N, C-alpha and C. Protein backbone atom coordinates (compact mmCIF):
# COMPACT_ATOMS: atom_id res chain seq x y z
N MET A 1 85.32 242.02 203.02
CA MET A 1 85.19 240.79 202.26
C MET A 1 86.46 240.84 200.55
N LYS A 2 86.95 240.22 200.61
CA LYS A 2 87.95 239.99 199.95
C LYS A 2 87.61 240.24 198.34
N GLN A 3 87.90 240.13 197.33
CA GLN A 3 87.29 240.34 195.91
C GLN A 3 87.12 238.50 195.56
N ASN A 4 88.38 237.75 196.33
CA ASN A 4 88.73 236.27 195.33
C ASN A 4 87.34 235.61 196.91
N GLU A 5 86.46 235.96 197.30
CA GLU A 5 85.65 235.39 197.62
C GLU A 5 84.13 235.91 197.66
N SER A 6 83.84 236.65 196.95
CA SER A 6 82.78 237.23 196.46
C SER A 6 82.29 236.24 194.38
N LEU A 7 80.89 235.73 194.20
CA LEU A 7 80.86 235.73 193.34
C LEU A 7 80.31 236.88 192.36
N TYR A 8 80.33 237.22 191.40
CA TYR A 8 79.29 237.73 190.19
C TYR A 8 78.90 237.74 189.46
N VAL A 9 77.81 237.66 189.17
CA VAL A 9 76.64 236.85 188.53
C VAL A 9 75.67 238.25 188.15
N THR A 10 76.05 237.87 186.74
CA THR A 10 74.97 239.47 186.04
C THR A 10 73.81 238.71 184.84
N ASP A 11 72.63 239.21 184.84
CA ASP A 11 71.84 238.70 183.65
C ASP A 11 72.84 239.40 182.08
N LEU A 12 71.93 239.05 181.14
CA LEU A 12 72.24 239.49 180.09
C LEU A 12 71.52 240.99 179.29
N ASP A 13 70.60 240.06 178.97
CA ASP A 13 69.78 241.33 178.66
C ASP A 13 69.23 242.56 179.45
N GLY A 14 69.62 243.50 178.76
CA GLY A 14 69.00 244.77 179.71
C GLY A 14 70.21 244.91 181.07
N THR A 15 71.17 243.99 181.03
CA THR A 15 72.45 244.63 181.87
C THR A 15 73.98 244.46 181.44
N LEU A 16 74.43 243.08 181.09
CA LEU A 16 76.17 242.85 180.85
C LEU A 16 75.90 243.56 179.12
N LEU A 17 74.78 243.41 178.11
CA LEU A 17 74.66 243.41 176.58
C LEU A 17 74.23 244.96 176.13
N LYS A 18 74.65 245.50 175.37
CA LYS A 18 74.36 246.74 174.50
C LYS A 18 73.44 246.67 174.24
N ASP A 19 72.59 247.35 173.54
CA ASP A 19 70.85 247.44 173.23
C ASP A 19 71.00 246.61 171.74
N ASP A 20 72.11 246.65 170.92
CA ASP A 20 72.13 245.54 169.75
C ASP A 20 72.32 244.17 170.33
N GLN A 21 72.02 243.81 171.63
CA GLN A 21 72.33 242.13 171.78
C GLN A 21 74.14 242.22 171.74
N THR A 22 75.04 242.81 171.99
CA THR A 22 76.43 242.07 172.09
C THR A 22 76.67 242.95 172.89
N LEU A 23 78.08 242.57 172.84
CA LEU A 23 79.13 243.06 174.37
C LEU A 23 80.15 244.33 173.97
N SER A 24 80.62 244.92 175.03
CA SER A 24 81.19 246.25 174.36
C SER A 24 82.59 245.81 174.36
N LYS A 25 83.07 246.44 173.50
CA LYS A 25 84.95 245.65 173.35
C LYS A 25 84.99 246.65 174.86
N GLU A 26 84.38 247.50 175.35
CA GLU A 26 85.43 247.82 176.94
C GLU A 26 84.87 246.39 178.09
N THR A 27 83.48 246.17 177.56
CA THR A 27 82.93 245.29 178.96
C THR A 27 84.33 243.69 178.93
N ILE A 28 83.96 243.46 177.51
CA ILE A 28 85.34 242.33 177.38
C ILE A 28 86.22 242.56 177.83
N SER A 29 86.92 243.79 177.59
CA SER A 29 88.46 243.43 178.34
C SER A 29 88.57 244.15 179.88
N PHE A 30 87.81 244.42 180.23
CA PHE A 30 87.23 245.32 181.32
C PHE A 30 87.20 243.74 182.88
N ILE A 31 86.32 242.82 182.04
CA ILE A 31 85.37 241.41 182.19
C ILE A 31 87.07 240.46 182.49
N THR A 32 87.41 240.14 181.00
CA THR A 32 88.40 239.89 181.16
C THR A 32 89.85 239.92 181.59
N SER A 33 90.30 240.87 181.64
CA SER A 33 91.21 241.52 183.02
C SER A 33 90.78 241.24 184.15
N ALA A 34 89.64 241.39 184.75
CA ALA A 34 89.26 241.29 186.33
C ALA A 34 89.17 239.50 186.24
N ILE A 35 88.95 238.80 185.19
CA ILE A 35 88.42 237.45 185.15
C ILE A 35 90.40 236.48 185.61
N VAL A 36 91.47 237.43 185.20
CA VAL A 36 92.72 236.91 185.30
C VAL A 36 93.45 237.45 186.34
N ASN A 37 92.57 238.29 186.88
CA ASN A 37 93.18 239.27 188.54
C ASN A 37 92.34 238.39 189.20
N GLY A 38 91.75 237.36 189.16
CA GLY A 38 91.23 236.63 190.27
C GLY A 38 89.59 236.67 190.83
N LEU A 39 88.56 237.22 189.87
CA LEU A 39 87.47 237.70 190.04
C LEU A 39 87.07 236.49 188.86
N HIS A 40 85.59 236.30 190.45
CA HIS A 40 84.97 234.61 189.74
C HIS A 40 83.45 235.67 189.63
N PHE A 41 83.73 235.85 188.18
CA PHE A 41 82.22 235.97 187.23
C PHE A 41 81.41 235.02 186.46
N THR A 42 80.54 234.83 186.16
CA THR A 42 79.33 234.41 185.22
C THR A 42 78.51 234.74 185.26
N TYR A 43 77.15 234.52 184.48
CA TYR A 43 76.16 234.85 184.16
C TYR A 43 75.01 233.63 184.41
N ALA A 44 73.62 234.73 184.54
CA ALA A 44 72.21 234.21 184.59
C ALA A 44 71.57 234.33 183.58
N THR A 45 70.67 233.81 183.22
CA THR A 45 69.94 234.30 181.90
C THR A 45 68.75 233.45 181.42
N ALA A 46 67.84 234.38 181.50
CA ALA A 46 66.37 232.97 180.51
C ALA A 46 66.81 232.33 178.99
N ARG A 47 68.02 233.20 178.41
CA ARG A 47 68.44 232.66 177.10
C ARG A 47 68.93 231.24 177.48
N SER A 48 69.19 230.43 176.05
CA SER A 48 69.55 229.30 175.76
C SER A 48 71.07 228.95 175.54
N PHE A 49 71.79 227.69 176.01
CA PHE A 49 73.28 227.58 175.92
C PHE A 49 73.53 228.35 174.64
N THR A 50 72.97 227.70 173.06
CA THR A 50 72.99 228.18 171.78
C THR A 50 72.78 229.90 171.54
N SER A 51 71.82 230.25 172.26
CA SER A 51 71.47 231.94 172.56
C SER A 51 72.89 232.95 172.69
N SER A 52 73.65 232.18 174.26
CA SER A 52 73.94 232.79 174.73
C SER A 52 75.74 232.43 174.67
N SER A 53 75.62 231.52 173.90
CA SER A 53 76.92 230.94 174.24
C SER A 53 78.38 231.96 173.40
N PHE A 54 78.02 232.88 172.85
CA PHE A 54 78.70 234.29 172.43
C PHE A 54 79.47 234.44 173.46
N VAL A 55 78.42 234.71 174.57
CA VAL A 55 79.52 235.68 175.48
C VAL A 55 80.17 234.95 176.48
N LEU A 56 79.87 233.55 176.47
CA LEU A 56 81.09 232.51 176.89
C LEU A 56 82.33 232.72 175.90
N LYS A 57 81.82 232.74 174.94
CA LYS A 57 83.49 232.65 174.75
C LYS A 57 84.10 233.92 174.05
N SER A 58 83.64 235.01 174.36
CA SER A 58 84.30 236.59 173.98
C SER A 58 84.90 236.71 175.72
N LEU A 59 84.34 236.24 176.66
CA LEU A 59 84.87 236.24 178.21
C LEU A 59 85.22 235.43 178.59
N GLN A 60 85.79 233.70 177.53
CA GLN A 60 86.75 233.37 178.09
C GLN A 60 86.28 232.44 179.58
N LEU A 61 84.87 232.33 180.11
CA LEU A 61 84.08 232.18 181.35
C LEU A 61 85.00 231.23 181.44
N GLN A 62 85.41 230.79 182.85
CA GLN A 62 85.59 229.09 183.70
C GLN A 62 84.61 228.86 184.56
N LEU A 63 83.50 229.59 184.92
CA LEU A 63 82.77 228.91 185.95
C LEU A 63 81.79 228.98 185.24
N PRO A 64 80.69 227.63 185.78
CA PRO A 64 79.44 227.40 185.37
C PRO A 64 78.06 228.68 185.15
N VAL A 65 77.37 228.46 183.74
CA VAL A 65 76.26 229.98 183.68
C VAL A 65 75.14 229.10 184.03
N ILE A 66 74.08 229.97 184.32
CA ILE A 66 72.95 229.72 184.33
C ILE A 66 71.99 229.49 183.39
N LEU A 67 71.58 228.85 183.29
CA LEU A 67 70.73 229.00 181.13
C LEU A 67 69.07 228.84 182.31
N TYR A 68 68.29 228.97 180.94
CA TYR A 68 66.46 228.83 181.69
C TYR A 68 66.20 229.09 182.32
N ASN A 69 66.48 230.45 183.36
CA ASN A 69 66.35 230.51 184.57
C ASN A 69 66.66 229.54 185.52
N GLY A 70 67.48 228.59 184.94
CA GLY A 70 67.91 227.72 186.14
C GLY A 70 67.58 226.52 185.90
N ALA A 71 67.09 226.05 185.13
CA ALA A 71 66.50 225.05 184.77
C ALA A 71 67.87 223.99 183.86
N GLN A 72 69.18 225.33 183.48
CA GLN A 72 70.23 224.38 182.99
C GLN A 72 71.29 224.98 184.02
N ILE A 73 72.35 223.89 183.88
CA ILE A 73 73.71 225.20 184.31
C ILE A 73 74.55 224.03 183.40
N TYR A 74 75.21 224.92 182.63
CA TYR A 74 76.92 224.17 181.77
C TYR A 74 77.92 225.01 182.48
N CYS A 75 78.64 223.73 182.36
CA CYS A 75 80.47 224.23 182.42
C CYS A 75 80.70 224.04 181.60
N PRO A 76 81.40 225.14 181.54
CA PRO A 76 82.24 225.47 180.23
C PRO A 76 83.80 224.69 180.18
N LYS A 77 84.12 224.40 181.58
CA LYS A 77 85.75 223.65 181.73
C LYS A 77 85.26 222.11 181.11
N LYS A 78 84.23 221.36 181.64
CA LYS A 78 83.55 220.40 180.99
C LYS A 78 82.98 220.05 179.80
N CYS A 79 82.51 221.64 178.77
CA CYS A 79 81.68 221.49 177.44
C CYS A 79 80.43 220.14 178.00
N SER A 80 80.24 220.80 179.13
CA SER A 80 78.97 219.76 179.29
C SER A 80 78.11 220.52 180.73
N TYR A 81 76.49 219.34 180.38
CA TYR A 81 75.81 220.61 181.44
C TYR A 81 76.07 219.76 183.18
N ILE A 82 76.00 220.51 183.79
CA ILE A 82 75.71 219.28 184.72
C ILE A 82 74.92 219.63 186.05
N HIS A 83 73.55 220.41 185.47
CA HIS A 83 72.70 220.37 186.04
C HIS A 83 71.08 220.54 184.78
N THR A 84 70.37 219.91 184.79
CA THR A 84 69.05 219.85 183.68
C THR A 84 67.95 219.51 184.64
N ALA A 85 66.85 220.75 183.94
CA ALA A 85 65.83 219.87 184.89
C ALA A 85 64.38 220.38 183.97
N TYR A 86 63.58 219.14 183.81
CA TYR A 86 62.88 219.25 182.98
C TYR A 86 61.48 219.49 183.36
N MET A 87 60.50 219.38 183.09
CA MET A 87 59.24 218.83 183.02
C MET A 87 58.58 217.69 182.75
N VAL A 88 58.18 216.71 184.04
CA VAL A 88 58.01 215.59 183.23
C VAL A 88 56.97 215.43 182.71
N PRO A 89 56.55 215.40 181.60
CA PRO A 89 55.20 215.35 180.49
C PRO A 89 53.61 214.94 181.00
N HIS A 90 52.98 215.46 181.50
CA HIS A 90 51.64 215.77 181.62
C HIS A 90 51.29 215.97 183.16
N SER A 91 52.70 216.42 183.92
CA SER A 91 52.98 216.77 184.91
C SER A 91 51.50 217.81 185.15
N TYR A 92 51.67 218.43 184.33
CA TYR A 92 50.88 220.23 184.51
C TYR A 92 49.55 219.87 184.01
N LEU A 93 49.09 218.66 183.72
CA LEU A 93 48.22 218.44 183.34
C LEU A 93 47.03 217.53 184.31
N ARG A 94 45.65 217.42 184.33
CA ARG A 94 45.15 216.78 185.42
C ARG A 94 44.25 216.47 184.63
């Protein structure tokens, strides 16, 4: 399989981020260079857009990111959500 045929998705906490919840300069440099060279890269997280947007900005991601464990998908190119799933009020109560 060629590099440009694969999608690489990472988690943030405990995976891409350092213990202090930041990205290392080396990580930013490596991933940015790889994206420029054709790597399809994004992240999936339980975090919200607000608490993970620094990653999106640091890496200048172009692909949608998965938020709230899949309840939202945000597209940085459109600067908008392309998917949201909410619980219907009282759907969990009987």
